[in-house]
Amino acid sequence: MTNYSGSCLCGAVSFTITGEFDRFYLCHCQHCQKDTGSAYAANLFSYTAELVWQSGAEAVTSFTLPGTRHNKSFCQRCGSALPCTQSAGLLVVPAGCLDTDITMLPTAHLFLSSKATWEEGLEEVAKFDGLPD
């Protein structure tokens, strides 16, 4: 059984996840674009893994967009995305909140019909290992 640890940006919230992830999706829908402020959300999904809050559970807030299944949990202090359990026991974990390396590659891109126009041609954009001068 695999163990993962994770936390928010400010360190107020930490958690562990025990178990395996079933899927790893990169979702390009407009809800995920607004949710992340980026081109897509990178989320891991599991029906069997168990989430345990190690610290800061009282700082975790959840939001569900009315009329949809789109749900987000986040730290009240820094706004970092955090795991949430959705209907039918589905655990959704934003990949970026994990402190443990993930060896699983994304399973698929979702909602490419909604992808941001500025995602085109990214292979040609300059690349830096850190902040450019």
Protein backbone atom coordinates (compact mmCIF):
# COMPACT_ATOMS: atom_id res chain seq x y z
CA MET A 1 0.00 0.00 0.00
CA THR A 2 1.34 3.43 -0.96
CA ASN A 3 1.46 6.38 1.42
CA TYR A 4 1.39 10.00 0.28
CA SER A 5 1.75 13.19 2.27
CA GLY A 6 0.65 16.66 1.33
CA SER A 7 0.11 20.17 2.58
CA CYS A 8 -1.03 23.66 1.68
CA LEU A 9 1.27 26.53 0.73
CA CYS A 10 1.29 28.19 4.17
CA GLY A 11 1.72 24.88 6.04
CA ALA A 12 -1.43 25.27 8.15
CA VAL A 13 -2.95 22.10 6.66
CA SER A 14 -1.24 18.73 6.26
CA PHE A 15 -2.62 15.32 5.40
CA THR A 16 -1.75 11.75 4.51
CA ILE A 17 -3.33 9.49 1.91
CA THR A 18 -3.00 5.72 2.10
CA GLY A 19 -3.84 3.69 -0.98
CA GLU A 20 -3.64 3.84 -4.74
CA PHE A 21 -4.97 6.32 -7.26
CA ASP A 22 -7.23 4.97 -10.00
CA ARG A 23 -6.97 7.85 -12.47
CA PHE A 24 -4.98 11.05 -13.05
CA TYR A 25 -6.82 13.54 -15.23
CA LEU A 26 -5.80 16.90 -16.68
CA CYS A 27 -9.12 18.73 -17.02
CA HIS A 28 -9.34 21.71 -19.40
CA CYS A 29 -13.01 22.60 -18.70
CA GLN A 30 -13.88 26.22 -18.01
CA HIS A 31 -14.76 25.43 -14.37
CA CYS A 32 -11.26 24.02 -13.77
CA GLN A 33 -9.67 26.98 -15.57
CA LYS A 34 -11.47 29.40 -13.24
CA ASP A 35 -10.82 27.14 -10.24
CA THR A 36 -7.04 27.00 -10.81
CA GLY A 37 -6.43 30.28 -12.64
CA SER A 38 -4.54 28.21 -15.19
CA ALA A 39 -5.04 26.18 -18.37
CA TYR A 40 -6.19 23.02 -16.59
CA ALA A 41 -6.54 21.20 -13.29
CA ALA A 42 -4.36 18.16 -12.54
CA ASN A 43 -6.34 15.86 -10.22
CA LEU A 44 -5.86 12.30 -8.97
CA PHE A 45 -8.93 10.14 -8.29
CA SER A 46 -9.47 7.15 -6.01
CA TYR A 47 -12.42 5.19 -4.70
CA THR A 48 -10.31 3.21 -2.21
CA ALA A 49 -7.56 5.50 -0.86
CA GLU A 50 -8.04 6.96 2.62
CA LEU A 51 -7.49 10.62 3.52
CA VAL A 52 -6.44 11.61 7.07
CA TRP A 53 -5.98 15.24 8.05
CA GLN A 54 -2.79 15.50 10.15
CA SER A 55 -3.18 19.20 11.01
CA GLY A 56 -5.36 22.16 10.14
CA ALA A 57 -8.61 20.34 9.33
CA GLU A 58 -10.47 23.36 10.74
CA ALA A 59 -8.83 25.55 8.04
CA VAL A 60 -10.22 23.45 5.18
CA THR A 61 -13.21 24.90 3.35
CA SER A 62 -15.16 23.39 0.46
CA PHE A 63 -17.13 24.98 -2.34
CA THR A 64 -19.50 23.30 -4.78
CA LEU A 65 -20.55 25.26 -7.84
CA PRO A 66 -24.37 25.32 -7.74
CA GLY A 67 -26.04 23.11 -10.33
CA THR A 68 -22.83 21.14 -11.02
CA ARG A 69 -20.65 18.40 -9.53
CA HIS A 70 -17.66 20.77 -9.59
CA ASN A 71 -16.25 20.85 -6.06
CA LYS A 72 -13.10 22.35 -4.58
CA SER A 73 -11.57 22.17 -1.10
CA PHE A 74 -8.97 24.71 -0.10
CA CYS A 75 -7.08 26.26 2.80
CA GLN A 76 -8.90 29.30 4.26
CA ARG A 77 -5.57 30.99 5.01
CA CYS A 78 -3.60 30.65 1.75
CA GLY A 79 -6.19 29.39 -0.75
CA SER A 80 -4.22 26.28 -1.74
CA ALA A 81 -6.23 23.49 -3.34
CA LEU A 82 -6.67 20.46 -1.08
CA PRO A 83 -8.22 16.97 -1.33
CA CYS A 84 -11.96 16.48 -1.09
CA THR A 85 -14.30 13.53 -0.97
CA GLN A 86 -17.16 13.75 -3.41
CA SER A 87 -20.35 11.74 -3.78
CA ALA A 88 -20.08 7.96 -3.71
CA GLY A 89 -16.80 8.18 -1.77
CA LEU A 90 -14.66 9.47 -4.65
CA LEU A 91 -11.47 11.08 -3.31
CA VAL A 92 -10.18 13.89 -5.54
CA VAL A 93 -6.62 15.07 -4.88
CA PRO A 94 -5.06 18.07 -6.63
CA ALA A 95 -1.68 16.71 -7.77
CA GLY A 96 0.17 19.89 -6.80
CA CYS A 97 -0.76 19.65 -3.11
CA LEU A 98 1.16 16.39 -2.65
CA ASP A 99 4.61 16.57 -1.08
CA THR A 100 5.31 12.97 -2.09
CA ASP A 101 6.42 12.39 -5.68
CA ILE A 102 3.83 10.85 -7.98
CA THR A 103 5.11 8.19 -10.36
CA MET A 104 1.77 7.80 -12.15
CA LEU A 105 1.51 9.57 -15.50
CA PRO A 106 -1.73 11.38 -16.39
CA THR A 107 -4.41 9.02 -17.68
CA ALA A 108 -6.00 11.51 -20.07
CA HIS A 109 -6.74 15.14 -20.96
CA LEU A 110 -10.44 15.98 -20.48
CA PHE A 111 -12.66 18.67 -22.07
CA LEU A 112 -10.15 19.65 -24.75
CA SER A 113 -13.00 21.41 -26.57
CA SER A 114 -12.81 24.05 -23.80
CA LYS A 115 -9.02 24.39 -23.65
CA ALA A 116 -7.55 27.88 -23.43
CA THR A 117 -6.52 29.38 -26.76
CA TRP A 118 -3.12 30.31 -25.32
CA GLU A 119 -2.28 26.62 -24.85
CA GLU A 120 -1.52 26.34 -28.57
CA GLY A 121 2.17 26.24 -29.54
CA LEU A 122 3.59 26.03 -26.00
CA GLU A 123 6.45 23.85 -27.25
CA GLU A 124 7.88 26.98 -28.91
CA VAL A 125 7.80 29.20 -25.79
CA ALA A 126 11.14 30.00 -24.08
CA LYS A 127 12.00 27.77 -21.11
CA PHE A 128 13.92 28.69 -17.94
CA ASP A 129 14.95 26.62 -14.90
CA GLY A 130 14.07 29.56 -12.63
CA LEU A 131 12.92 33.16 -12.84
CA PRO A 132 14.40 34.86 -15.94
CA ASP A 133 16.76 37.82 -15.52
